[in-house]
C-alpha atoms as a PDB file:
ATOM      1  CA  MET A   1    -110.349  83.089  71.991  1.00  0.00           C
ATOM      2  CA  ASN A   2    -108.274  80.104  73.043  1.00  0.00           C
ATOM      3  CA  ARG A   3    -104.727  79.782  71.712  1.00  0.00           C
ATOM      4  CA  ILE A   4    -102.584  76.711  71.806  1.00  0.00           C
ATOM      5  CA  VAL A   5     -99.087  77.622  72.782  1.00  0.00           C
ATOM      6  CA  LEU A   6     -96.350  75.023  72.790  1.00  0.00           C
ATOM      7  CA  LYS A   7     -94.086  75.860  75.663  1.00  0.00           C
ATOM      8  CA  ASN A   8     -91.736  72.918  75.137  1.00  0.00           C
ATOM      9  CA  PRO A   9     -89.349  73.508  72.174  1.00  0.00           C
ATOM     10  CA  ARG A  10     -88.669  69.738  71.890  1.00  0.00           C
ATOM     11  CA  VAL A  11     -92.351  68.990  71.129  1.00  0.00           C
ATOM     12  CA  LEU A  12     -92.355  71.741  68.518  1.00  0.00           C
ATOM     13  CA  ALA A  13     -89.174  70.371  66.912  1.00  0.00           C
ATOM     14  CA  VAL A  14     -90.577  66.821  66.820  1.00  0.00           C
ATOM     15  CA  LEU A  15     -93.802  68.069  65.188  1.00  0.00           C
ATOM     16  CA  ILE A  16     -91.866  69.976  62.516  1.00  0.00           C
ATOM     17  CA  LEU A  17     -89.692  66.912  61.798  1.00  0.00           C
ATOM     18  CA  CYS A  18     -92.790  64.686  61.461  1.00  0.00           C
ATOM     19  CA  VAL A  19     -94.386  67.113  58.988  1.00  0.00           C
ATOM     20  CA  LEU A  20     -91.152  67.337  56.954  1.00  0.00           C
ATOM     21  CA  ALA A  21     -90.731  63.528  56.954  1.00  0.00           C
ATOM     22  CA  ALA A  22     -94.328  63.010  55.782  1.00  0.00           C
ATOM     23  CA  GLY A  23     -93.859  65.604  53.008  1.00  0.00           C
ATOM     24  CA  ALA A  24     -90.609  63.968  51.851  1.00  0.00           C
ATOM     25  CA  GLY A  25     -92.310  60.562  51.859  1.00  0.00           C
ATOM     26  CA  VAL A  26     -95.144  61.854  49.673  1.00  0.00           C
ATOM     27  CA  ILE A  27     -92.697  63.535  47.273  1.00  0.00           C
ATOM     28  CA  PHE A  28     -90.522  60.393  46.962  1.00  0.00           C
ATOM     29  CA  PHE A  29     -92.925  57.413  47.228  1.00  0.00           C
ATOM     30  CA  VAL A  30     -95.998  58.611  45.262  1.00  0.00           C
ATOM     31  CA  PRO A  31     -94.118  59.154  41.952  1.00  0.00           C
ATOM     32  CA  ALA A  32     -92.220  55.887  42.482  1.00  0.00           C
ATOM     33  CA  MET A  33     -95.496  54.001  42.962  1.00  0.00           C
ATOM     34  CA  MET A  34     -97.028  55.577  39.866  1.00  0.00           C
ATOM     35  CA  ASN A  35     -94.007  54.689  37.687  1.00  0.00           C
ATOM     36  CA  THR A  36     -93.871  51.058  38.832  1.00  0.00           C
ATOM     37  CA  PRO A  37     -95.188  48.781  36.059  1.00  0.00           C
ATOM     38  CA  GLN A  38     -98.343  46.890  37.031  1.00  0.00           C
ATOM     39  CA  THR A  39     -98.634  43.208  36.144  1.00  0.00           C
ATOM     40  CA  VAL A  40    -101.887  42.062  34.559  1.00  0.00           C
ATOM     41  CA  THR A  41    -102.805  38.420  35.075  1.00  0.00           C
ATOM     42  CA  ASP A  42    -105.472  36.244  33.426  1.00  0.00           C
ATOM     43  CA  LEU A  43    -105.656  38.416  30.304  1.00  0.00           C
ATOM     44  CA  HIS A  44    -107.372  36.655  27.383  1.00  0.00           C
ATOM     45  CA  ILE A  45    -106.693  38.087  23.945  1.00  0.00           C
ATOM     46  CA  ASP A  46    -109.189  37.136  21.264  1.00  0.00           C
ATOM     47  CA  SER A  47    -107.262  37.018  17.993  1.00  0.00           C
ATOM     48  CA  GLU A  48    -110.516  37.006  15.981  1.00  0.00           C
ATOM     49  CA  ALA A  49    -111.943  40.194  17.488  1.00  0.00           C
ATOM     50  CA  ALA A  50    -110.880  43.614  16.303  1.00  0.00           C
ATOM     51  CA  LEU A  51    -112.850  45.391  19.020  1.00  0.00           C
ATOM     52  CA  LYS A  52    -115.122  44.480  21.925  1.00  0.00           C
ATOM     53  CA  LEU A  53    -117.690  46.923  23.251  1.00  0.00           C
ATOM     54  CA  ASP A  54    -119.722  46.746  26.453  1.00  0.00           C
ATOM     55  CA  ALA A  55    -122.601  48.544  24.771  1.00  0.00           C
ATOM     56  CA  MET A  56    -123.440  49.470  21.219  1.00  0.00           C
ATOM     57  CA  LYS A  57    -125.973  51.748  19.585  1.00  0.00           C
ATOM     58  CA  GLN A  58    -126.292  52.194  15.842  1.00  0.00           C
ATOM     59  CA  ILE A  59    -128.798  54.083  13.720  1.00  0.00           C
ATOM     60  CA  SER A  60    -129.389  53.297  10.047  1.00  0.00           C
ATOM     61  CA  LYS A  61    -130.758  56.023   7.780  1.00  0.00           C
ATOM     62  CA  LYS A  62    -131.736  56.004   4.135  1.00  0.00           C
ATOM     63  CA  ASN A  63    -132.174  59.348   2.360  1.00  0.00           C
ATOM     64  CA  GLY A  64    -132.157  61.075   5.750  1.00  0.00           C
ATOM     65  CA  ILE A  65    -134.992  58.908   7.112  1.00  0.00           C
ATOM     66  CA  THR A  66    -134.279  56.584  10.042  1.00  0.00           C
ATOM     67  CA  GLU A  67    -134.929  52.950   9.085  1.00  0.00           C
ATOM     68  CA  TRP A  68    -133.862  51.364  12.355  1.00  0.00           C
ATOM     69  CA  GLU A  69    -132.107  51.917  15.683  1.00  0.00           C
ATOM     70  CA  LEU A  70    -130.145  49.047  17.192  1.00  0.00           C
ATOM     71  CA  GLU A  71    -128.912  48.668  20.768  1.00  0.00           C
ATOM     72  CA  ALA A  72    -126.930  45.728  22.152  1.00  0.00           C
ATOM     73  CA  ALA A  73    -125.515  44.976  25.595  1.00  0.00           C
ATOM     74  CA  THR A  74    -122.234  43.815  24.026  1.00  0.00           C
ATOM     75  CA  ALA A  75    -120.761  43.844  20.546  1.00  0.00           C
ATOM     76  CA  THR A  76    -117.703  42.035  19.236  1.00  0.00           C
ATOM     77  CA  LEU A  77    -116.447  43.285  15.888  1.00  0.00           C
ATOM     78  CA  VAL A  78    -114.862  40.357  14.036  1.00  0.00           C
ATOM     79  CA  LYS A  79    -111.843  40.945  11.808  1.00  0.00           C
ATOM     80  CA  GLU A  80    -112.150  40.292   8.096  1.00  0.00           C
ATOM     81  CA  GLU A  81    -115.730  38.978   8.358  1.00  0.00           C
ATOM     82  CA  ASN A  82    -117.495  42.353   8.443  1.00  0.00           C
ATOM     83  CA  GLN A  83    -119.600  41.219  11.394  1.00  0.00           C
ATOM     84  CA  ALA A  84    -120.597  42.484  14.783  1.00  0.00           C
ATOM     85  CA  ILE A  85    -121.618  39.673  17.160  1.00  0.00           C
ATOM     86  CA  LEU A  86    -124.280  41.090  19.491  1.00  0.00           C
ATOM     87  CA  THR A  87    -125.888  40.073  22.796  1.00  0.00           C
ATOM     88  CA  ARG A  88    -129.186  41.211  24.328  1.00  0.00           C
ATOM     89  CA  VAL A  89    -130.329  42.928  21.159  1.00  0.00           C
ATOM     90  CA  HIS A  90    -133.085  45.551  20.913  1.00  0.00           C
ATOM     91  CA  VAL A  91    -133.999  46.992  17.486  1.00  0.00           C
ATOM     92  CA  VAL A  92    -136.680  49.524  16.593  1.00  0.00           C
ATOM     93  CA  PHE A  93    -137.626  49.392  12.902  1.00  0.00           C
ATOM     94  CA  TYR A  94    -139.571  52.315  11.423  1.00  0.00           C
ATOM     95  CA  THR A  95    -142.237  52.014   8.729  1.00  0.00           C
ATOM     96  CA  LYS A  96    -142.752  54.692   6.087  1.00  0.00           C
ATOM     97  CA  ASP A  97    -145.840  55.761   8.106  1.00  0.00           C
ATOM     98  CA  LYS A  98    -143.637  56.317  11.213  1.00  0.00           C
ATOM     99  CA  ASP A  99    -145.018  53.227  13.002  1.00  0.00           C
ATOM    100  CA  THR A 100    -142.533  51.150  14.958  1.00  0.00           C
ATOM    101  CA  VAL A 101    -141.766  47.436  14.877  1.00  0.00           C
ATOM    102  CA  ILE A 102    -139.745  46.403  17.946  1.00  0.00           C
ATOM    103  CA  LEU A 103    -137.514  43.324  17.916  1.00  0.00           C
ATOM    104  CA  THR A 104    -135.644  41.781  20.850  1.00  0.00           C
ATOM    105  CA  SER A 105    -133.408  38.698  20.936  1.00  0.00           C
ATOM    106  CA  ASP A 106    -130.689  37.065  23.008  1.00  0.00           C
ATOM    107  CA  GLN A 107    -128.088  37.205  20.218  1.00  0.00           C
ATOM    108  CA  GLY A 108    -127.623  38.779  16.831  1.00  0.00           C
ATOM    109  CA  ILE A 109    -125.164  39.271  14.012  1.00  0.00           C
ATOM    110  CA  LEU A 110    -124.935  42.556  12.133  1.00  0.00           C
ATOM    111  CA  ASP A 111    -123.232  42.567   8.738  1.00  0.00           C
ATOM    112  CA  THR A 112    -121.270  45.818   8.992  1.00  0.00           C
ATOM    113  CA  GLU A 113    -121.215  46.320   5.206  1.00  0.00           C
ATOM    114  CA  THR A 114    -124.784  45.465   4.122  1.00  0.00           C
ATOM    115  CA  HIS A 115    -126.479  46.122   7.508  1.00  0.00           C
ATOM    116  CA  ASP A 116    -128.395  42.849   7.112  1.00  0.00           C
ATOM    117  CA  MET A 117    -128.970  41.142  10.477  1.00  0.00           C
ATOM    118  CA  ASP A 118    -129.584  37.655  11.878  1.00  0.00           C
ATOM    119  CA  PHE A 119    -131.236  37.135  15.265  1.00  0.00           C
ATOM    120  CA  ASN A 120    -131.588  34.031  17.435  1.00  0.00           C
ATOM    121  CA  GLY A 121    -132.612  33.028  20.924  1.00  0.00           C
ATOM    122  CA  ASN A 122    -135.982  34.202  22.257  1.00  0.00           C
ATOM    123  CA  VAL A 123    -136.733  36.387  19.247  1.00  0.00           C
ATOM    124  CA  VAL A 124    -139.810  38.553  19.873  1.00  0.00           C
ATOM    125  CA  VAL A 125    -141.264  41.089  17.442  1.00  0.00           C
ATOM    126  CA  ARG A 126    -143.972  43.553  18.533  1.00  0.00           C
ATOM    127  CA  HIS A 127    -146.037  45.755  16.231  1.00  0.00           C
ATOM    128  CA  GLN A 128    -149.081  47.616  17.507  1.00  0.00           C
ATOM    129  CA  THR A 129    -151.206  44.848  19.141  1.00  0.00           C
ATOM    130  CA  TYR A 130    -149.423  41.865  17.553  1.00  0.00           C
ATOM    131  CA  THR A 131    -146.602  39.830  19.073  1.00  0.00           C
ATOM    132  CA  LEU A 132    -144.537  37.370  17.033  1.00  0.00           C
ATOM    133  CA  LYS A 133    -142.213  34.771  18.583  1.00  0.00           C
ATOM    134  CA  THR A 134    -139.664  32.512  16.897  1.00  0.00           C
ATOM    135  CA  ASP A 135    -136.189  31.008  17.329  1.00  0.00           C
ATOM    136  CA  LYS A 136    -134.468  32.653  14.359  1.00  0.00           C
ATOM    137  CA  LEU A 137    -135.163  35.726  12.300  1.00  0.00           C
ATOM    138  CA  HIS A 138    -133.398  37.604   9.500  1.00  0.00           C
ATOM    139  CA  TYR A 139    -133.522  41.221   8.398  1.00  0.00           C
ATOM    140  CA  LYS A 140    -132.617  42.371   4.878  1.00  0.00           C
ATOM    141  CA  LYS A 141    -131.884  46.097   4.791  1.00  0.00           C
ATOM    142  CA  LYS A 142    -132.266  46.791   1.077  1.00  0.00           C
ATOM    143  CA  PRO A 143    -135.921  45.612   0.815  1.00  0.00           C
ATOM    144  CA  HIS A 144    -136.538  46.491   4.535  1.00  0.00           C
ATOM    145  CA  ILE A 145    -137.979  43.007   5.204  1.00  0.00           C
ATOM    146  CA  ILE A 146    -137.894  40.712   8.253  1.00  0.00           C
ATOM    147  CA  HIS A 147    -138.280  37.003   7.507  1.00  0.00           C
ATOM    148  CA  SER A 148    -138.036  33.626   9.207  1.00  0.00           C
ATOM    149  CA  ASN A 149    -137.673  30.129   7.791  1.00  0.00           C
ATOM    150  CA  THR A 150    -138.423  28.554  11.173  1.00  0.00           C
ATOM    151  CA  LYS A 151    -141.758  28.084  12.917  1.00  0.00           C
ATOM    152  CA  VAL A 152    -143.360  31.328  14.097  1.00  0.00           C
ATOM    153  CA  TRP A 153    -146.171  32.092  16.531  1.00  0.00           C
ATOM    154  CA  LEU A 154    -148.201  35.268  15.991  1.00  0.00           C
ATOM    155  CA  GLU A 155    -150.825  36.450  18.461  1.00  0.00           C
ATOM    156  CA  ASN A 156    -152.933  39.338  19.633  1.00  0.00           C
ATOM    157  CA  THR A 157    -155.945  39.537  21.953  1.00  0.00           C
ATOM    158  CA  ASP A 158    -158.371  38.128  19.339  1.00  0.00           C
ATOM    159  CA  ALA A 159    -156.273  35.561  17.423  1.00  0.00           C
ATOM    160  CA  ALA A 160    -153.264  33.249  17.540  1.00  0.00           C
ATOM    161  CA  MET A 161    -151.578  31.772  14.471  1.00  0.00           C
ATOM    162  CA  GLU A 162    -148.721  29.396  13.788  1.00  0.00           C
ATOM    163  CA  ALA A 163    -146.819  29.013  10.497  1.00  0.00           C
ATOM    164  CA  ASP A 164    -143.686  27.384   9.097  1.00  0.00           C
ATOM    165  CA  THR A 165    -142.320  30.586   7.547  1.00  0.00           C
ATOM    166  CA  MET A 166    -143.057  34.280   7.782  1.00  0.00           C
ATOM    167  CA  GLU A 167    -142.182  37.562   6.114  1.00  0.00           C
ATOM    168  CA  ILE A 168    -142.843  41.079   7.428  1.00  0.00           C
ATOM    169  CA  ARG A 169    -142.758  43.793   4.778  1.00  0.00           C
ATOM    170  CA  ILE A 170    -142.082  46.677   7.112  1.00  0.00           C
ATOM    171  CA  ASN A 171    -142.861  49.545   4.718  1.00  0.00           C
ATOM    172  CA  ASP A 172    -146.104  47.908   3.546  1.00  0.00           C
ATOM    173  CA  ASN A 173    -147.340  46.913   7.052  1.00  0.00           C
ATOM    174  CA  GLN A 174    -147.806  43.342   5.793  1.00  0.00           C
ATOM    175  CA  ILE A 175    -147.206  40.010   7.493  1.00  0.00           C
ATOM    176  CA  ILE A 176    -147.176  36.981   5.209  1.00  0.00           C
ATOM    177  CA  LEU A 177    -147.469  33.548   6.868  1.00  0.00           C
ATOM    178  CA  GLN A 178    -146.818  30.388   4.826  1.00  0.00           C
ATOM    179  CA  GLY A 179    -146.575  26.629   5.291  1.00  0.00           C
ATOM    180  CA  HIS A 180    -149.016  24.737   7.545  1.00  0.00           C
ATOM    181  CA  VAL A 181    -150.689  27.885   8.814  1.00  0.00           C
ATOM    182  CA  LYS A 182    -153.008  27.167  11.755  1.00  0.00           C
ATOM    183  CA  GLY A 183    -154.967  29.616  13.797  1.00  0.00           C
ATOM    184  CA  ILE A 184    -157.362  30.187  16.663  1.00  0.00           C
ATOM    185  CA  PHE A 185    -159.691  33.157  16.333  1.00  0.00           C
ATOM    186  CA  SER A 186    -162.147  34.714  18.753  1.00  0.00           C
ATOM    187  CA  GLU A 187    -165.574  35.873  17.651  1.00  0.00           C
ATOM    188  CA  ASN A 188    -164.317  39.465  17.980  1.00  0.00           C
ATOM    189  CA  PHE A 189    -161.613  38.944  15.315  1.00  0.00           C
ATOM    190  CA  ASN A 190    -162.041  41.157  12.223  1.00  0.00           C
ATOM    191  CA  LEU A 191    -160.115  40.876   8.988  1.00  0.00           C
ATOM    192  CA  PRO A 192    -159.015  44.249   7.625  1.00  0.00           C
END
């Protein structure tokens, strides 16, 4: 076994002094650095927002049954307006038969009291084999209905339809298209 033996007492004394000086520096400077106030620059305070979240997930239940699950990339809760302003929204609505209706949009607004919602920007709704696209869409919680007063485009592999307005009765699995309804149907299309 090799042993390191310091034969020069001066080298040993210098080493001990260095260790003691480093220890004293840590004991004195670290607490001083931690107690020094840090200055924050370029801080923007939004007087309208009560709370901003980087991610949000909310589940709505009625009589113990999940009606919908909402996820958003960001949420800004607005004071006194009972609203959450959402970005990159993803909502899964559940029918009474446990089917799912999936909605995505760029932005949304959730009424934090009624749980009604408005969606805009690349709104897409998917249910089984159907895909619906529109610019704006609204959800009413009490009747569990999605509706749009702007032009909608509904398609699946056998048909494509366009209408001025639309209503989806989630619990009844019904889509009602109204106003200048036009469609293209393949020969394989079957009406239920």
